[in-house]
Protein backbone atom coordinates (compact mmCIF):
# COMPACT_ATOMS: atom_id res chain seq x y z
CA MET A 1 -2.53 7.22 37.91
CA ALA A 2 -3.23 10.94 37.51
CA MET A 3 -6.25 13.23 37.50
CA PHE A 4 -7.42 14.63 34.16
CA ARG A 5 -10.17 17.03 33.21
CA TYR A 6 -12.00 16.47 29.92
CA GLU A 7 -14.46 18.17 27.59
CA ALA A 8 -16.31 16.15 24.97
CA THR A 9 -19.31 16.45 22.66
CA ASP A 10 -22.11 13.90 22.82
CA ALA A 11 -22.53 12.58 19.26
CA LYS A 12 -26.30 12.09 19.69
CA THR A 13 -27.34 15.30 21.46
CA GLY A 14 -24.50 17.61 20.44
CA GLN A 15 -24.16 18.80 24.05
CA THR A 16 -20.75 19.40 25.62
CA GLN A 17 -19.97 17.31 28.67
CA GLN A 18 -17.27 18.11 31.22
CA GLY A 19 -15.80 16.11 34.04
CA THR A 20 -12.78 14.91 35.97
CA VAL A 21 -11.48 11.36 35.86
CA GLU A 22 -8.49 9.39 37.08
CA ALA A 23 -6.53 7.46 34.44
CA ALA A 24 -3.03 6.34 33.52
CA ASN A 25 -2.81 8.70 30.53
CA ALA A 26 -4.85 10.87 28.18
CA GLN A 27 -5.04 8.12 25.57
CA GLU A 28 -7.01 5.91 27.95
CA ILE A 29 -9.56 8.67 28.47
CA GLU A 30 -9.82 9.26 24.71
CA LEU A 31 -10.60 5.59 24.13
CA ARG A 32 -13.14 5.42 26.97
CA LEU A 33 -15.07 8.45 25.77
CA SER A 34 -14.93 7.41 22.10
CA GLU A 35 -16.39 4.01 22.97
CA ARG A 36 -19.25 5.77 24.79
CA GLY A 37 -20.08 7.85 21.70
CA TYR A 38 -18.34 11.14 22.52
CA ARG A 39 -16.57 13.23 19.88
CA SER A 40 -14.15 16.19 19.76
CA VAL A 41 -12.56 15.05 23.00
CA ARG A 42 -10.21 17.47 24.79
CA VAL A 43 -8.17 16.19 27.75
CA TYR A 44 -6.36 18.41 30.26
CA VAL A 45 -3.94 17.73 33.08
CA GLU A 46 -5.99 18.75 36.11
CA LYS A 47 -3.09 20.31 37.98
CA ALA A 48 -1.44 22.27 35.19
CA ASN A 49 -4.67 22.79 33.19
CA ALA A 50 -2.72 22.23 29.97
CA VAL A 51 -4.16 20.54 26.94
CA ILE A 52 -2.28 17.29 26.26
CA ALA A 53 -4.51 15.43 23.84
CA GLY A 54 -7.32 15.97 21.38
CA SER A 55 -6.83 19.75 21.08
CA PRO A 56 -8.11 21.48 17.97
CA PRO A 57 -5.36 22.82 15.69
CA THR A 58 -3.90 26.20 16.49
CA PRO A 59 -4.11 28.96 13.85
CA ASN A 60 -0.53 28.20 12.77
CA ALA A 61 -0.93 24.44 12.59
CA GLY A 62 -2.31 24.24 9.08
CA GLY A 63 -5.73 23.51 7.62
CA ALA A 64 -8.61 21.51 8.96
CA GLY A 65 -7.64 18.17 10.33
CA GLY A 66 -4.00 19.18 10.51
CA GLY A 67 -3.77 19.26 14.29
CA ALA A 68 -1.11 16.58 14.57
CA ALA A 69 2.06 17.74 16.23
CA ARG A 70 4.99 18.34 13.94
CA PRO A 71 7.91 18.63 16.32
CA THR A 72 10.69 18.14 13.80
CA VAL A 73 9.31 19.27 10.42
CA GLY A 74 8.67 22.87 9.53
CA ARG A 75 7.08 24.45 6.49
CA ASN A 76 10.37 25.76 5.19
CA SER A 77 12.64 22.86 6.06
CA PRO A 78 12.92 19.67 4.02
CA PRO A 79 10.94 16.89 5.70
CA SER A 80 12.76 13.71 6.53
CA LEU A 81 11.39 10.20 6.62
CA PRO A 82 11.17 8.51 10.03
CA ALA A 83 13.89 6.09 10.97
CA PRO A 84 13.52 2.67 9.38
CA PRO A 85 12.53 -0.32 11.55
CA ALA A 86 15.21 -2.09 13.50
CA LEU A 87 17.01 -4.86 11.64
CA GLY A 88 17.31 -8.39 12.87
CA VAL A 89 19.49 -11.35 11.97
CA GLY A 90 21.14 -11.13 8.57
CA GLY A 91 20.13 -7.51 8.04
CA LEU A 92 16.45 -8.39 7.73
CA PRO A 93 13.76 -6.44 9.58
CA ALA A 94 12.93 -7.44 13.12
CA ILE A 95 10.45 -10.28 13.58
CA THR A 96 7.53 -7.87 14.09
CA ALA A 97 7.76 -6.94 10.41
CA PHE A 98 7.49 -10.59 9.28
CA ALA A 99 3.74 -10.55 8.97
CA PRO A 100 1.10 -10.72 6.25
CA ALA A 101 0.49 -7.42 4.52
CA VAL A 102 -2.85 -5.75 5.13
CA PRO A 103 -5.11 -6.12 2.06
CA PRO A 104 -5.39 -2.88 0.03
CA ALA A 105 -9.20 -2.95 0.31
CA ASP A 106 -8.92 -2.79 4.13
CA LEU A 107 -6.45 0.10 3.93
CA ALA A 108 -8.71 1.96 1.51
CA THR A 109 -11.70 1.63 3.84
CA PHE A 110 -9.64 2.70 6.85
CA PHE A 111 -8.21 5.82 5.19
CA ARG A 112 -11.55 6.85 3.67
CA GLN A 113 -13.12 6.75 7.12
CA MET A 114 -10.22 8.61 8.68
CA ALA A 115 -10.46 11.34 6.01
CA SER A 116 -14.18 11.69 6.71
CA LEU A 117 -13.57 12.01 10.46
CA LEU A 118 -10.88 14.64 9.96
CA HIS A 119 -13.15 16.61 7.63
CA ALA A 120 -15.85 16.49 10.33
CA GLY A 121 -13.54 18.17 12.84
CA PHE A 122 -12.00 15.20 14.63
CA THR A 123 -8.39 15.54 15.67
CA PRO A 124 -5.99 12.84 14.40
CA LEU A 125 -5.89 11.39 17.91
CA SER A 126 -9.66 11.22 18.33
CA ALA A 127 -10.09 9.91 14.76
CA LEU A 128 -7.70 7.04 15.43
CA ALA A 129 -9.28 6.37 18.82
CA ASP A 130 -12.66 6.13 17.12
CA LEU A 131 -11.49 4.03 14.16
CA ALA A 132 -9.18 1.53 15.85
CA PRO A 133 -11.85 -0.42 17.80
CA ARG A 134 -14.14 -0.51 14.73
CA THR A 135 -11.53 -1.75 12.25
CA ALA A 136 -12.15 -5.39 11.33
CA ASN A 137 -8.56 -6.17 10.32
CA ARG A 138 -6.87 -6.86 13.65
CA ARG A 139 -3.37 -6.01 12.47
CA LEU A 140 -4.55 -2.67 11.12
CA SER A 141 -6.58 -2.06 14.28
CA ARG A 142 -3.54 -2.63 16.53
CA ALA A 143 -1.38 -0.39 14.35
CA ALA A 144 -4.01 2.36 14.51
CA GLN A 145 -4.16 2.06 18.30
CA ASP A 146 -0.38 2.35 18.55
CA ALA A 147 -0.40 5.36 16.22
CA GLY A 148 -3.11 6.99 18.31
CA MET A 149 -1.07 6.50 21.48
CA ALA A 150 1.97 8.00 19.74
CA ALA A 151 -0.11 11.00 18.64
CA GLY A 152 -1.25 11.39 22.24
CA ARG A 153 2.41 11.65 23.24
CA GLY A 154 2.96 14.40 20.67
CA GLU A 155 4.70 12.26 18.07
CA SER A 156 4.05 12.64 14.36
CA LEU A 157 1.70 10.25 12.62
CA ALA A 158 4.31 9.57 9.95
CA GLY A 159 6.75 8.41 12.62
CA ALA A 160 4.06 6.30 14.28
CA PHE A 161 3.10 4.67 10.96
CA ALA A 162 6.76 3.98 10.14
CA LYS A 163 6.91 1.63 13.13
CA HIS A 164 4.44 -0.66 11.33
CA PRO A 165 5.98 -1.25 7.88
CA HIS A 166 3.97 -4.45 7.43
CA VAL A 167 0.78 -2.35 7.65
CA PHE A 168 1.70 1.08 6.25
CA PRO A 169 3.99 1.04 3.18
CA ALA A 170 6.85 3.52 2.88
CA HIS A 171 4.97 5.79 0.47
CA VAL A 172 2.05 6.05 2.93
CA VAL A 173 4.51 7.10 5.64
CA GLY A 174 5.89 9.72 3.25
CA LEU A 175 2.36 10.81 2.37
CA PHE A 176 1.46 11.45 5.99
CA GLY A 177 4.75 13.27 6.47
CA ALA A 178 3.71 15.54 3.61
CA GLY A 179 0.25 15.96 5.14
CA GLU A 180 1.79 17.05 8.43
CA THR A 181 4.19 19.37 6.63
CA GLY A 182 1.40 21.05 4.68
CA GLY A 183 -1.27 20.84 7.37
CA PHE A 184 -3.71 18.74 5.33
CA LEU A 185 -3.87 15.31 6.91
CA GLU A 186 -7.40 14.79 5.61
CA TYR A 187 -6.10 15.11 2.05
CA ALA A 188 -3.22 12.73 2.87
CA CYS A 189 -5.82 10.18 4.00
CA GLU A 190 -7.76 10.64 0.76
CA GLU A 191 -4.59 10.18 -1.28
CA ALA A 192 -3.66 7.05 0.68
CA ALA A 193 -7.16 5.68 0.12
CA LEU A 194 -6.92 6.46 -3.60
CA GLY A 195 -3.68 4.50 -3.92
CA ALA A 196 -5.03 1.57 -1.92
CA GLU A 197 -8.18 1.50 -4.06
CA GLY A 198 -5.99 1.34 -7.16
CA ASP A 199 -4.11 -1.64 -5.73
CA ALA A 200 -7.38 -3.33 -4.76
CA ALA A 201 -8.79 -2.79 -8.26
CA LEU A 202 -5.70 -4.38 -9.76
CA ARG A 203 -6.08 -7.45 -7.54
CA GLN A 204 -9.80 -7.77 -8.15
CA GLY A 205 -10.47 -11.02 -9.96
CA ILE A 206 -6.88 -12.22 -9.54
CA TRP A 207 -8.30 -15.53 -8.30
CA VAL A 208 -9.26 -16.38 -11.90
CA PRO A 209 -5.66 -16.40 -13.23
CA LYS A 210 -4.57 -18.29 -10.11
CA LEU A 211 -7.28 -20.89 -10.60
CA LEU A 212 -6.36 -21.35 -14.27
CA PHE A 213 -2.67 -21.65 -13.39
CA TRP A 214 -3.20 -24.36 -10.78
CA GLN A 215 -5.67 -26.15 -13.01
CA SER A 216 -2.90 -26.34 -15.61
CA VAL A 217 -0.35 -27.56 -13.07
CA TRP A 218 -2.57 -30.32 -11.72
CA SER A 219 -3.63 -31.38 -15.20
CA PHE A 220 0.02 -32.01 -15.94
CA LEU A 221 0.64 -33.79 -12.61
CA ILE A 222 -2.36 -36.10 -13.04
CA LEU A 223 -1.61 -36.96 -16.66
CA GLN A 224 2.07 -37.75 -16.12
CA PRO A 225 1.65 -41.05 -14.22
CA LEU A 226 -1.33 -42.06 -16.33
CA LEU A 227 0.29 -41.55 -19.74
CA ASN A 228 3.59 -43.07 -18.66
CA ASN A 229 1.86 -46.31 -17.63
CA LEU A 230 -0.75 -46.91 -20.32
CA LYS A 231 0.94 -50.11 -21.52
CA PRO A 232 1.06 -51.72 -18.03
CA ILE A 233 -2.59 -50.74 -17.53
CA PHE A 234 -3.57 -52.50 -20.76
CA THR A 235 -1.48 -55.61 -20.05
CA GLU A 236 -1.64 -55.92 -16.25
CA GLY A 237 -5.13 -54.63 -15.47
CA LEU A 238 -5.60 -53.96 -11.75
CA ALA A 239 -1.88 -54.28 -11.04
CA GLY A 240 -1.24 -51.60 -13.66
CA PHE A 241 -3.78 -49.26 -12.08
CA THR A 242 -2.19 -49.87 -8.69
CA LYS A 243 1.18 -48.88 -10.07
CA VAL A 244 -0.29 -45.65 -11.51
CA GLY A 245 -1.97 -44.86 -8.19
CA GLN A 246 1.21 -45.40 -6.20
CA GLU A 247 3.25 -43.20 -8.54
CA PHE A 248 0.60 -40.49 -8.36
CA LEU A 249 0.26 -40.58 -4.55
CA PHE A 250 3.93 -40.92 -3.65
CA LEU A 251 5.60 -38.86 -6.38
CA TRP A 252 3.33 -36.41 -8.19
CA VAL A 253 1.10 -35.40 -5.28
CA PRO A 254 4.13 -34.50 -3.09
CA ILE A 255 5.54 -32.52 -6.03
CA GLY A 256 2.23 -30.63 -6.32
CA ILE A 257 2.11 -29.91 -2.59
CA ALA A 258 5.72 -28.74 -2.67
CA LEU A 259 4.88 -26.37 -5.54
CA HIS A 260 1.99 -24.92 -3.53
CA LEU A 261 4.20 -24.40 -0.48
CA LEU A 262 6.93 -22.85 -2.60
CA CYS A 263 4.45 -20.42 -4.18
CA GLU A 264 3.06 -19.51 -0.76
CA LEU A 265 6.58 -18.86 0.54
CA ALA A 266 7.42 -16.76 -2.52
CA GLY A 267 4.17 -14.82 -2.07
CA TRP A 268 4.94 -14.21 1.61
CA TRP A 269 8.42 -12.95 0.72
CA TRP A 270 7.01 -10.80 -2.09
CA ARG A 271 4.69 -8.96 0.30
CA GLN A 272 7.33 -8.17 2.95
CA PRO A 273 8.51 -4.56 3.37
CA PHE A 274 12.16 -5.53 2.84
CA ALA A 275 11.27 -6.89 -0.62
CA ALA A 276 9.75 -3.59 -1.81
CA GLN A 277 12.81 -2.52 -3.80
CA THR A 278 13.07 -5.89 -5.57
CA ARG A 279 9.32 -6.02 -6.10
CA ASP A 280 9.30 -2.58 -7.70
CA LYS A 281 12.23 -3.39 -9.96
CA ILE A 282 10.61 -6.61 -11.18
CA ALA A 283 7.34 -4.77 -11.82
CA LEU A 284 9.18 -2.37 -14.13
CA MET A 285 10.41 -5.30 -16.24
CA LEU A 286 6.84 -6.08 -17.33
CA PRO A 287 5.54 -3.59 -19.94
CA ALA A 288 1.98 -3.36 -18.61
CA MET A 289 3.07 -3.03 -14.99
CA ARG A 290 5.82 -0.55 -15.89
CA LYS A 291 3.30 1.80 -17.53
CA LEU A 292 0.98 1.50 -14.54
CA ALA A 293 3.74 2.17 -12.01
CA TYR A 294 5.03 5.13 -14.04
CA THR A 295 1.70 6.89 -14.54
CA ARG A 296 0.60 6.36 -10.95
CA ALA A 297 3.95 7.63 -9.64
CA VAL A 298 3.96 10.85 -11.67
CA ALA A 299 0.25 11.53 -11.03
CA ALA A 300 0.72 11.08 -7.27
CA PHE A 301 3.82 13.28 -7.28
CA THR A 302 2.36 16.21 -9.24
CA ARG A 303 -0.96 16.04 -7.39
CA LEU A 304 0.72 16.25 -3.98
CA LEU A 305 3.32 18.81 -5.12
CA ARG A 306 0.55 21.19 -6.14
CA ARG A 307 -1.20 20.76 -2.80
CA LEU A 308 1.98 21.42 -0.84
CA LEU A 309 2.86 24.53 -2.84
CA LEU A 310 -0.64 25.95 -2.38
CA SER A 311 -0.27 25.31 1.37
CA GLY A 312 2.70 27.66 1.49
CA VAL A 313 5.41 25.02 1.81
CA SER A 314 8.77 26.00 0.34
CA PRO A 315 9.60 24.49 -3.10
CA GLU A 316 12.39 22.27 -1.79
CA SER A 317 10.31 20.93 1.10
CA ALA A 318 7.29 20.45 -1.15
CA TYR A 319 9.32 18.62 -3.79
CA THR A 320 10.97 16.34 -1.21
CA ALA A 321 7.72 15.52 0.56
CA ALA A 322 5.91 14.81 -2.72
CA ALA A 323 8.73 12.57 -3.95
CA GLN A 324 8.72 10.55 -0.73
CA SER A 325 5.02 9.82 -1.29
CA VAL A 326 5.50 8.07 -4.65
CA PRO A 327 4.40 4.40 -4.50
CA ASN A 328 7.19 2.85 -6.62
CA SER A 329 10.56 3.03 -4.84
CA VAL A 330 12.53 3.17 -8.11
CA TYR A 331 10.66 6.25 -9.31
CA ARG A 332 10.77 7.66 -5.78
CA ASP A 333 14.57 7.55 -5.83
CA LYS A 334 14.65 9.12 -9.30
CA LEU A 335 12.53 12.02 -8.16
CA LEU A 336 14.56 12.49 -4.99
CA SER A 337 17.68 12.84 -7.13
CA GLY A 338 16.25 16.19 -8.26
CA VAL A 339 16.56 17.63 -4.74
CA THR A 340 20.26 18.37 -5.32
CA VAL A 341 19.29 20.48 -8.33
CA LEU A 342 16.91 22.50 -6.17
CA ARG A 343 19.54 22.98 -3.49
CA ALA A 344 21.86 24.36 -6.15
CA GLY A 345 19.41 27.23 -6.65
CA ASN A 346 17.53 25.97 -9.69
CA GLY A 347 13.77 25.85 -10.14
CA LEU A 348 11.32 22.98 -9.85
CA ASP A 349 11.24 22.60 -13.62
CA ALA A 350 15.01 22.10 -13.71
CA ALA A 351 14.78 19.50 -10.93
CA LEU A 352 12.15 17.52 -12.83
CA GLN A 353 14.10 17.81 -16.07
CA ALA A 354 17.20 16.45 -14.34
CA THR A 355 15.35 13.30 -13.26
CA GLY A 356 14.52 12.44 -16.89
CA LEU A 357 11.22 11.03 -15.66
CA LEU A 358 8.59 13.19 -17.34
CA GLU A 359 7.61 12.85 -20.97
CA HIS A 360 8.40 15.69 -23.37
CA ASP A 361 5.01 17.45 -23.56
CA PRO A 362 4.18 17.39 -19.81
CA LEU A 363 7.70 18.60 -19.03
CA GLN A 364 7.37 21.48 -21.48
CA LEU A 365 4.08 22.49 -19.86
CA LEU A 366 5.79 22.69 -16.47
CA ILE A 367 8.72 24.67 -17.88
CA THR A 368 6.25 27.14 -19.39
CA GLY A 369 4.40 27.31 -16.08
CA GLN A 370 7.62 28.09 -14.26
CA ARG A 371 8.46 30.91 -16.64
CA THR A 372 4.98 32.44 -16.74
CA GLY A 373 4.08 32.07 -13.08
CA GLN A 374 1.30 29.60 -13.89
CA TRP A 375 2.99 26.69 -12.17
CA THR A 376 -0.04 25.33 -10.29
CA GLU A 377 -2.26 25.59 -13.38
CA MET A 378 0.21 23.58 -15.42
CA LEU A 379 0.56 21.07 -12.59
CA ASP A 380 -3.22 20.62 -12.77
CA ARG A 381 -3.03 19.82 -16.48
CA VAL A 382 -0.10 17.42 -16.07
CA THR A 383 -1.81 15.66 -13.16
CA ALA A 384 -5.05 15.27 -15.14
CA TYR A 385 -3.09 13.79 -18.04
CA TYR A 386 -1.27 11.21 -15.92
CA GLN A 387 -4.38 10.33 -13.92
CA GLU A 388 -6.17 9.50 -17.16
CA GLN A 389 -3.18 7.46 -18.32
CA ALA A 390 -3.07 5.65 -14.96
CA ALA A 391 -6.73 4.64 -15.28
CA LYS A 392 -6.05 3.19 -18.73
CA ALA A 393 -2.88 1.50 -17.49
CA THR A 394 -4.83 -0.19 -14.69
CA GLU A 395 -7.22 -1.73 -17.20
CA ASP A 396 -4.30 -2.74 -19.44
CA ALA A 397 -2.54 -4.42 -16.51
CA LYS A 398 -5.69 -6.35 -15.54
CA ASN A 399 -6.17 -7.46 -19.14
CA ALA A 400 -2.51 -8.51 -19.35
CA GLN A 401 -2.98 -10.71 -16.28
CA LYS A 402 -5.99 -12.35 -17.89
CA ARG A 403 -4.15 -12.87 -21.19
CA LEU A 404 -1.23 -14.48 -19.38
CA ALA A 405 -3.57 -16.79 -17.48
CA PHE A 406 -5.37 -17.83 -20.64
CA LEU A 407 -2.04 -18.36 -22.41
CA VAL A 408 -0.91 -20.73 -19.66
CA THR A 409 -4.26 -22.48 -19.86
CA ALA A 410 -4.05 -22.77 -23.65
CA ILE A 411 -0.55 -24.27 -23.44
CA SER A 412 -1.64 -26.79 -20.80
CA ALA A 413 -4.80 -27.62 -22.77
CA GLY A 414 -2.68 -28.18 -25.86
CA TYR A 415 -0.37 -30.45 -23.92
CA VAL A 416 -3.33 -32.39 -22.51
CA THR A 417 -4.86 -32.79 -25.97
CA ILE A 418 -1.62 -33.94 -27.60
CA ALA A 419 -0.69 -36.23 -24.71
CA ALA A 420 -4.18 -37.74 -24.55
CA THR A 421 -3.97 -38.50 -28.28
CA VAL A 422 -0.34 -39.57 -28.71
CA GLY A 423 -0.06 -41.51 -25.43
CA PRO A 424 -2.83 -44.05 -26.04
CA LEU A 425 -1.88 -44.34 -29.71
CA LYS A 426 1.71 -45.10 -28.80
CA ALA A 427 0.62 -47.66 -26.20
CA VAL A 428 -1.66 -49.41 -28.69
CA MET A 429 1.09 -49.52 -31.32
CA GLU A 430 3.51 -51.02 -28.80
CA LEU A 431 0.98 -53.71 -27.85
CA PHE A 432 0.26 -54.68 -31.45
CA GLY A 433 3.95 -54.44 -32.29
CA GLU A 434 4.64 -57.17 -29.83
């Protein structure tokens, strides 16, 4: 235990309170005061009188809300992603990563609140200390608490988030790394919330296709024993019905349960961090999802690149940080391949052209912007274009899901109709044929 001195603002009265308290660390004091309704908490070591937590950003730390320590990333050095989580047996992530993913709607709510707190003058540490106890999702709450403790120790938020890959995806880690590089963590929170809201919108109503799919599956499973035993039912009566019931209970019901378990296992694997690369590649095989992933990736990249450049970050660092924040890992790697072009002394336009990712007209706009000095203006236009395309692609993807569900339903309904007509007719013909 050690003695700490604190200063905090009462949220109700606005008055500044001071005092001395004994605690294990500054994080404990932050949490205590936040729970009692205090804001803008500053904690000092009593002996050395040095600020160790909750300090407002220094003039050189970046914009509002950018008070997080950045011990290893500078404005003119390329940012690097935090080390990946430790691997376990068979090269898979350690057991802590084998957990359900946090729903996008919960992430969106969390990041929107964090952005609001940072805009209001909270430090990253005090914002996390305030949010963590109020977050309903327990996994997200624990991850926020751990990140807050790491921030209290002077670690970067990106590094703290990287320790929870089952909660914060890789592009969110990259996004917060960019926010710390440019000194705009509040904007990084808004961008993370925007991406999570897009994912939540895509999943909205997904229960309808799922319901139609399983309705089709069980229609097939129920009809199979019935249509295969129509003749015994007609000739044997109760004994025939008993045979149908036994086949249904001991063959088709186990098959149905096994299908459910298999789908649950596949869904669990699909949501794991180590499956991100495979998940992104499969998404690009589907036309509607490929367009959505592409437009969201480019819009996120150009939007963040502009912000970093306006914050005074060097072109190479800005490009690298923006590329690391792209949601789809395939497009992220493509954009990162342009870093070598920048390091060879070429401009941002040449780096983007080398990736082959941008369409002709947006690319030409950026080339013109590079040559005329209107780079940020052209980035604005390109971002607006891809944001509009991403909104349309989201609707197209949702409609494609619905069309696929209805197609499966139509096929199963057709099967049911044909089987319900042909099966009894065949059974009757066999009876009269005898």
